Amino acid sequence: MTEEVYLGIDTSCYTTSLFFMNRQGQKVAEARRILKVKPGGCGLQQSEMLYQHTRNLPELMEEAVQGHAFSMLGIGVSARPRPREDSYMPAFLAGQGFARSLAALYSIPLWQISHQENHLEAAMWSAKGPDTDRFLFLHASGGTTDLLLVEKMDMFGPDATGGLPVADMAQAEENAVGTAVPTNPKEKVVANYRLTEIGGSLDLHAGQFVDRAGVALGLDFPAGPALEKLAEQHTEIMEIPVSVHKTNVSFSGPCTWVLRQIEHNNFAANIAAGVQWGLAETFVRMIRNGAAEHQVKDVILAGGVSANQWIRNRIIEKLSRRQIKVWLPENRYSGDNASGCAAYARRQQEG
């Protein structure tokens, strides 16, 4: 039996992802693969990312569709890092080209969004909220530490929702903003979101901090999951320096301090626990300040760093004292994945 689905594609810095979602918004199939980094390495060049994504996409497609008969209704793809005109990264060309080819072949709609919007959509799909028109979004990963104000916008009709195949980024930008007004009361209404950056890191990103500390501790890159496991063995939490000014933060100084502690052969698990403590404390302060400034009471977390369970629990505990509700996706949908692209495409088509 053929199943109607929407396909999401994401080719980020370190993960190739495909996700199939049915018309009811349920996962039907997915496949993802972390890009390979040589032992002891701290990253990949863009050319290597593009090469690995190009190799991975056909193999992941073969893996995801095995045992299924799909009829594709539309495709969503991450085409750039952030929803800004100057945002560009070669790694996303692999997924974008793959998506455009499939959309052209099957004459189906294609929606191009940013990787950051994909994270937001994935988190909202998994967490089933927030159910409010204004909220905060903390996106913390290896390449991003952004605090954003998210505002819901109601979009009307096919011109505003991207109901036709998107051929280029200029058209994608127009669809993302959406200026059309309803001309037919029966036209479906689709809620899209305006993202406004209100804070973030002035130097290192949260994930870079984790990876530099983790590699210095002898962990493989990317170091997030291994650092979390190491921290479970701590005897005490080493409270590291924290640098927060309103909603802007710095991880360069704290990272330098941690690396010096590692050189002095302090207990590794206590240092790992300290890194978690420092990240959680930083996030709590910037969220708290942003919520007060913009008068909101909800925040959703996404990005690989926010998948750390200790950090999650600490944020929930401290923000609950300020009556700020924290929305959390499943851990597997906090990190890089393509479910947000599929969810976005479905929402545009289904309303």
Protein backbone atom coordinates (compact mmCIF):
# COMPACT_ATOMS: atom_id res chain seq x y z
CA MET A 1 0.00 0.00 0.00
CA THR A 2 1.35 3.41 -0.99
CA GLU A 3 1.65 5.95 1.83
CA GLU A 4 1.51 9.70 1.26
CA VAL A 5 4.40 11.46 2.96
CA TYR A 6 6.42 14.64 3.24
CA LEU A 7 10.20 14.41 3.02
CA GLY A 8 12.59 16.47 5.13
CA ILE A 9 16.28 16.84 4.22
CA ASP A 10 19.02 18.42 6.34
CA THR A 11 22.76 18.48 5.61
CA SER A 12 24.33 20.28 8.54
CA CYS A 13 27.97 20.58 9.54
CA TYR A 14 28.17 17.11 11.06
CA THR A 15 24.99 15.15 10.25
CA THR A 16 23.20 14.03 7.09
CA SER A 17 19.47 13.48 7.77
CA LEU A 18 16.31 12.34 6.00
CA PHE A 19 12.86 12.21 7.58
CA PHE A 20 9.52 10.99 6.20
CA MET A 21 6.31 12.27 7.85
CA ASN A 22 2.74 11.27 7.01
CA ARG A 23 -0.22 13.61 6.60
CA GLN A 24 -1.15 13.16 10.27
CA GLY A 25 2.25 14.50 11.38
CA GLN A 26 3.66 11.14 12.45
CA LYS A 27 7.10 9.77 11.71
CA VAL A 28 7.06 7.05 9.07
CA ALA A 29 10.79 6.59 8.50
CA GLU A 30 14.07 8.39 9.05
CA ALA A 31 17.77 7.90 8.51
CA ARG A 32 20.72 9.97 9.62
CA ARG A 33 24.47 9.65 9.72
CA ILE A 34 27.11 11.61 11.61
CA LEU A 35 29.97 12.76 9.41
CA LYS A 36 33.32 11.13 10.06
CA VAL A 37 36.05 13.12 11.79
CA LYS A 38 39.56 11.70 12.12
CA PRO A 39 40.53 10.69 15.68
CA GLY A 40 41.93 13.68 17.54
CA GLY A 41 40.39 16.10 15.04
CA CYS A 42 38.26 19.07 16.03
CA GLY A 43 36.15 19.51 12.92
CA LEU A 44 35.88 19.23 9.15
CA GLN A 45 36.53 21.57 6.24
CA GLN A 46 33.46 22.59 4.25
CA SER A 47 34.68 20.67 1.19
CA GLU A 48 34.87 17.48 3.25
CA MET A 49 31.39 18.07 4.68
CA LEU A 50 29.99 18.53 1.18
CA TYR A 51 31.76 15.39 -0.04
CA GLN A 52 30.45 13.22 2.80
CA HIS A 53 26.88 14.57 2.49
CA THR A 54 26.91 13.84 -1.25
CA ARG A 55 27.94 10.25 -0.56
CA ASN A 56 25.54 9.79 2.35
CA LEU A 57 22.30 11.04 0.79
CA PRO A 58 21.71 8.20 -1.71
CA GLU A 59 22.69 5.56 0.87
CA LEU A 60 20.40 7.04 3.52
CA MET A 61 17.54 7.24 1.01
CA GLU A 62 17.98 3.55 0.22
CA GLU A 63 17.97 2.78 3.94
CA ALA A 64 14.93 4.92 4.78
CA VAL A 65 12.62 3.71 2.00
CA GLN A 66 13.39 0.01 2.42
CA GLY A 67 10.12 -1.85 3.00
CA HIS A 68 8.00 1.22 2.19
CA ALA A 69 6.03 2.43 -0.82
CA PHE A 70 5.88 6.21 -0.66
CA SER A 71 4.00 8.84 -2.62
CA MET A 72 5.67 12.16 -1.88
CA LEU A 73 3.44 15.20 -1.41
CA GLY A 74 6.18 17.75 -0.84
CA ILE A 75 9.73 18.32 0.36
CA GLY A 76 11.27 20.59 2.96
CA VAL A 77 15.02 21.22 3.02
CA SER A 78 17.53 23.24 5.03
CA ALA A 79 19.20 25.56 2.54
CA ARG A 80 21.28 27.86 4.77
CA PRO A 81 22.31 28.21 8.42
CA ARG A 82 20.06 31.09 9.57
CA PRO A 83 17.01 32.92 8.14
CA ARG A 84 19.11 35.83 6.88
CA GLU A 85 20.05 36.95 3.37
CA ASP A 86 23.78 36.85 4.18
CA SER A 87 23.63 33.35 5.68
CA TYR A 88 25.49 30.77 3.60
CA MET A 89 27.36 27.51 4.10
CA PRO A 90 28.42 25.08 1.33
CA ALA A 91 27.36 22.00 3.32
CA PHE A 92 23.70 22.83 2.67
CA LEU A 93 24.17 22.73 -1.10
CA ALA A 94 24.20 18.93 -0.97
CA GLY A 95 20.73 18.67 0.53
CA GLN A 96 19.38 21.60 -1.44
CA GLY A 97 20.47 20.11 -4.78
CA PHE A 98 19.14 16.67 -3.84
CA ALA A 99 15.78 18.18 -2.84
CA ARG A 100 15.43 20.34 -5.95
CA SER A 101 16.14 17.36 -8.19
CA LEU A 102 13.48 15.23 -6.49
CA ALA A 103 10.92 18.06 -6.53
CA ALA A 104 11.50 18.67 -10.24
CA LEU A 105 11.31 14.97 -11.07
CA TYR A 106 8.01 14.40 -9.24
CA SER A 107 6.53 17.89 -9.83
CA ILE A 108 5.88 18.42 -6.13
CA PRO A 109 6.26 21.52 -3.93
CA LEU A 110 9.62 22.32 -2.39
CA TRP A 111 10.04 24.58 0.66
CA GLN A 112 13.50 25.86 1.54
CA ILE A 113 14.04 26.99 5.11
CA SER A 114 17.09 27.63 7.25
CA HIS A 115 18.80 25.08 9.47
CA GLN A 116 17.84 27.18 12.47
CA GLU A 117 14.17 27.16 11.46
CA ASN A 118 14.45 23.40 10.97
CA HIS A 119 15.63 23.09 14.59
CA LEU A 120 12.71 25.20 15.79
CA GLU A 121 10.17 23.23 13.75
CA ALA A 122 11.65 19.91 14.91
CA ALA A 123 11.55 20.99 18.54
CA MET A 124 7.97 22.26 18.30
CA TRP A 125 6.82 19.12 16.49
CA SER A 126 8.39 16.87 19.14
CA ALA A 127 7.49 18.98 22.21
CA LYS A 128 4.00 19.80 20.87
CA GLY A 129 4.39 23.44 21.79
CA PRO A 130 4.72 26.17 22.90
CA ASP A 131 1.05 26.98 22.35
CA THR A 132 1.48 30.74 22.51
CA ASP A 133 2.03 33.50 19.94
CA ARG A 134 5.30 34.77 21.46
CA PHE A 135 8.06 32.78 23.10
CA LEU A 136 11.83 32.42 23.33
CA PHE A 137 13.94 29.91 21.43
CA LEU A 138 17.40 28.93 22.67
CA HIS A 139 19.40 27.32 19.88
CA ALA A 140 22.63 25.93 21.35
CA SER A 141 24.90 23.78 19.21
CA GLY A 142 28.40 23.55 17.80
CA GLY A 143 27.78 26.33 15.31
CA THR A 144 25.14 28.41 17.09
CA THR A 145 24.40 29.91 20.47
CA ASP A 146 21.42 32.16 19.77
CA LEU A 147 18.54 33.37 21.89
CA LEU A 148 15.66 34.34 19.65
CA LEU A 149 12.24 35.89 20.10
CA VAL A 150 9.71 33.86 18.10
CA GLU A 151 6.46 35.51 17.01
CA LYS A 152 3.66 33.69 15.24
CA MET A 153 2.38 35.06 11.93
CA ASP A 154 -0.76 33.78 10.22
CA MET A 155 -0.16 33.19 6.52
CA PHE A 156 -2.94 32.90 3.96
CA GLY A 157 -3.17 31.13 0.63
CA PRO A 158 -0.63 29.43 -1.67
CA ASP A 159 1.38 32.57 -2.46
CA ALA A 160 2.06 33.28 1.20
CA THR A 161 2.70 29.70 2.29
CA GLY A 162 4.98 28.62 -0.51
CA GLY A 163 2.34 26.37 -2.05
CA LEU A 164 4.26 26.23 -5.33
CA PRO A 165 7.71 24.73 -5.89
CA VAL A 166 10.42 27.12 -4.73
CA ALA A 167 13.10 27.56 -7.37
CA ASP A 168 15.53 29.91 -5.69
CA MET A 169 16.49 31.49 -2.39
CA ALA A 170 14.96 34.86 -3.22
CA GLN A 171 11.56 33.24 -3.60
CA ALA A 172 12.15 31.25 -0.42
CA GLU A 173 12.81 34.49 1.45
CA GLU A 174 9.57 35.95 0.12
CA ASN A 175 7.63 32.88 1.20
CA ALA A 176 9.17 33.00 4.67
CA VAL A 177 8.05 36.58 5.22
CA GLY A 178 4.64 36.37 3.56
CA THR A 179 2.75 39.59 2.91
CA ALA A 180 -0.42 38.29 1.28
CA VAL A 181 -3.83 38.88 2.86
CA PRO A 182 -6.79 36.47 2.64
CA THR A 183 -8.98 36.92 -0.41
CA ASN A 184 -11.07 33.81 0.10
CA PRO A 185 -12.51 32.96 3.55
CA LYS A 186 -12.13 29.27 2.72
CA GLU A 187 -8.39 29.56 2.19
CA LYS A 188 -6.35 27.66 4.75
CA VAL A 189 -4.37 29.54 7.39
CA VAL A 190 -0.80 28.44 8.13
CA ALA A 191 1.15 29.73 11.12
CA ASN A 192 4.72 30.68 10.30
CA TYR A 193 7.19 32.32 12.66
CA ARG A 194 9.33 35.42 12.69
CA LEU A 195 12.67 34.89 14.44
CA THR A 196 14.43 37.91 15.94
CA GLU A 197 17.86 37.43 17.48
CA ILE A 198 17.91 39.07 20.91
CA GLY A 199 21.09 37.56 22.33
CA GLY A 200 23.84 35.02 21.91
CA SER A 201 27.52 34.28 22.20
CA LEU A 202 30.05 36.98 21.36
CA ASP A 203 32.82 34.46 20.67
CA LEU A 204 32.78 30.67 21.04
CA HIS A 205 29.56 28.75 20.62
CA ALA A 206 28.39 26.41 23.37
CA GLY A 207 29.20 23.31 21.34
CA GLN A 208 32.69 24.58 20.55
CA PHE A 209 33.28 25.04 24.27
CA VAL A 210 32.14 21.46 24.92
CA ASP A 211 34.28 20.05 22.11
CA ARG A 212 37.46 21.93 23.09
CA ALA A 213 37.12 20.89 26.70
CA GLY A 214 36.17 17.33 25.72
CA VAL A 215 39.05 16.82 23.30
CA ALA A 216 41.45 18.23 25.92
CA LEU A 217 40.06 15.61 28.31
CA GLY A 218 40.84 12.90 25.75
CA LEU A 219 37.32 12.45 24.39
CA ASP A 220 36.49 11.97 20.70
CA PHE A 221 35.00 14.79 18.62
CA PRO A 222 32.14 15.68 18.78
CA ALA A 223 32.49 15.37 22.53
CA GLY A 224 29.00 16.18 23.86
CA PRO A 225 27.63 12.70 24.69
CA ALA A 226 30.97 11.47 26.04
CA LEU A 227 31.40 14.55 28.24
CA GLU A 228 27.90 14.03 29.66
CA LYS A 229 28.75 10.42 30.48
CA LEU A 230 32.09 11.41 32.05
CA ALA A 231 30.37 14.04 34.21
CA GLU A 232 28.19 11.34 35.79
CA GLN A 233 31.31 10.14 37.65
CA HIS A 234 31.94 13.49 39.39
CA THR A 235 32.53 13.72 43.12
CA GLU A 236 31.85 17.45 43.14
CA ILE A 237 30.88 20.05 40.58
CA MET A 238 33.64 22.48 39.73
CA GLU A 239 31.81 25.79 39.40
CA ILE A 240 33.54 27.49 36.50
CA PRO A 241 33.46 31.22 35.62
CA VAL A 242 30.33 32.44 33.83
CA SER A 243 30.19 35.49 31.57
CA VAL A 244 26.70 36.91 30.92
CA HIS A 245 25.70 40.50 30.15
CA LYS A 246 21.92 40.74 29.74
CA THR A 247 21.33 38.29 26.86
CA ASN A 248 24.87 38.27 25.46
CA VAL A 249 27.35 35.69 26.69
CA SER A 250 30.98 34.69 26.29
CA PHE A 251 32.49 31.22 26.41
CA SER A 252 36.06 32.12 25.50
CA GLY A 253 37.12 33.06 29.02
CA PRO A 254 35.41 30.08 30.70
CA CYS A 255 36.94 27.75 28.10
CA THR A 256 40.45 29.09 28.74
CA TRP A 257 39.91 28.64 32.50
CA VAL A 258 38.77 25.03 32.00
CA LEU A 259 41.72 24.17 29.74
CA ARG A 260 44.09 25.44 32.43
CA GLN A 261 42.38 23.22 34.99
CA ILE A 262 42.86 20.24 32.67
CA GLU A 263 46.58 21.08 32.37
CA HIS A 264 46.81 20.99 36.16
CA ASN A 265 45.48 17.40 36.09
CA ASN A 266 42.37 18.10 38.13
CA PHE A 267 39.80 15.29 38.31
CA ALA A 268 38.38 14.98 34.79
CA ALA A 269 34.82 14.10 35.81
CA ASN A 270 34.60 17.14 38.08
CA ILE A 271 35.75 19.37 35.22
CA ALA A 272 33.19 17.80 32.87
CA ALA A 273 30.48 18.40 35.47
CA GLY A 274 31.72 21.98 35.77
CA VAL A 275 31.37 22.54 32.03
CA GLN A 276 27.75 21.36 32.26
CA TRP A 277 27.14 23.60 35.26
CA GLY A 278 28.63 26.61 33.48
CA LEU A 279 26.56 26.07 30.35
CA ALA A 280 23.33 25.61 32.30
CA GLU A 281 23.99 28.70 34.43
CA THR A 282 24.76 30.74 31.31
CA PHE A 283 21.59 29.61 29.56
CA VAL A 284 19.43 30.25 32.62
CA ARG A 285 20.69 33.80 33.03
CA MET A 286 20.31 34.76 29.36
CA ILE A 287 16.80 33.21 29.16
CA ARG A 288 15.74 34.86 32.40
CA ASN A 289 16.96 38.25 31.19
CA GLY A 290 15.38 37.83 27.75
CA ALA A 291 12.04 36.72 29.19
CA ALA A 292 11.91 39.77 31.46
CA GLU A 293 12.86 42.19 28.70
CA HIS A 294 10.34 40.84 26.17
CA GLN A 295 7.65 39.85 28.66
CA VAL A 296 7.31 36.19 27.71
CA LYS A 297 6.90 33.10 29.89
CA ASP A 298 7.78 30.24 27.53
CA VAL A 299 11.07 29.03 26.08
CA ILE A 300 11.85 26.08 23.83
CA LEU A 301 15.30 24.51 23.63
CA ALA A 302 16.98 22.92 20.63
CA GLY A 303 20.45 22.11 19.36
CA GLY A 304 22.84 19.34 20.33
CA VAL A 305 24.06 21.02 23.53
CA SER A 306 20.50 21.32 24.85
CA ALA A 307 20.10 17.53 24.56
CA ASN A 308 22.30 17.13 27.65
CA GLN A 309 19.93 15.81 30.33
CA TRP A 310 21.74 17.38 33.28
CA ILE A 311 21.66 20.79 31.60
CA ARG A 312 17.98 20.34 30.79
CA ASN A 313 17.07 19.47 34.37
CA ARG A 314 19.06 22.38 35.76
CA ILE A 315 17.39 24.85 33.39
CA ILE A 316 13.90 23.56 34.25
CA GLU A 317 14.62 23.70 37.98
CA LYS A 318 15.95 27.27 37.98
CA LEU A 319 13.51 28.80 35.49
CA SER A 320 10.50 27.29 37.26
CA ARG A 321 11.27 29.67 40.13
CA ARG A 322 10.54 32.53 37.72
CA GLN A 323 7.39 30.84 36.35
CA ILE A 324 9.05 30.34 32.97
CA LYS A 325 7.88 27.17 31.23
CA VAL A 326 10.54 25.17 29.41
CA TRP A 327 9.51 23.15 26.35
CA LEU A 328 11.76 20.23 25.48
CA PRO A 329 11.76 17.98 22.42
CA GLU A 330 12.88 14.38 22.67
CA ASN A 331 16.67 14.24 22.91
CA ARG A 332 17.00 12.73 19.44
CA TYR A 333 15.16 15.72 17.96
CA SER A 334 17.24 18.31 19.81
CA GLY A 335 20.33 17.58 17.76
CA ASP A 336 20.62 17.79 13.99
CA ASN A 337 17.80 15.99 12.20
CA ALA A 338 15.42 16.61 9.30
CA SER A 339 12.07 16.25 11.08
CA GLY A 340 11.62 20.03 11.20
CA CYS A 341 11.90 20.34 7.43
CA ALA A 342 9.28 17.62 6.98
CA ALA A 343 7.02 19.20 9.60
CA TYR A 344 7.30 22.59 7.91
CA ALA A 345 6.42 21.17 4.50
CA ARG A 346 3.45 19.29 5.94
CA ARG A 347 2.16 22.36 7.75
CA GLN A 348 2.31 24.49 4.62
CA GLN A 349 0.39 21.93 2.59
CA GLU A 350 -2.05 20.60 5.17
CA GLY A 351 -2.67 23.84 7.09
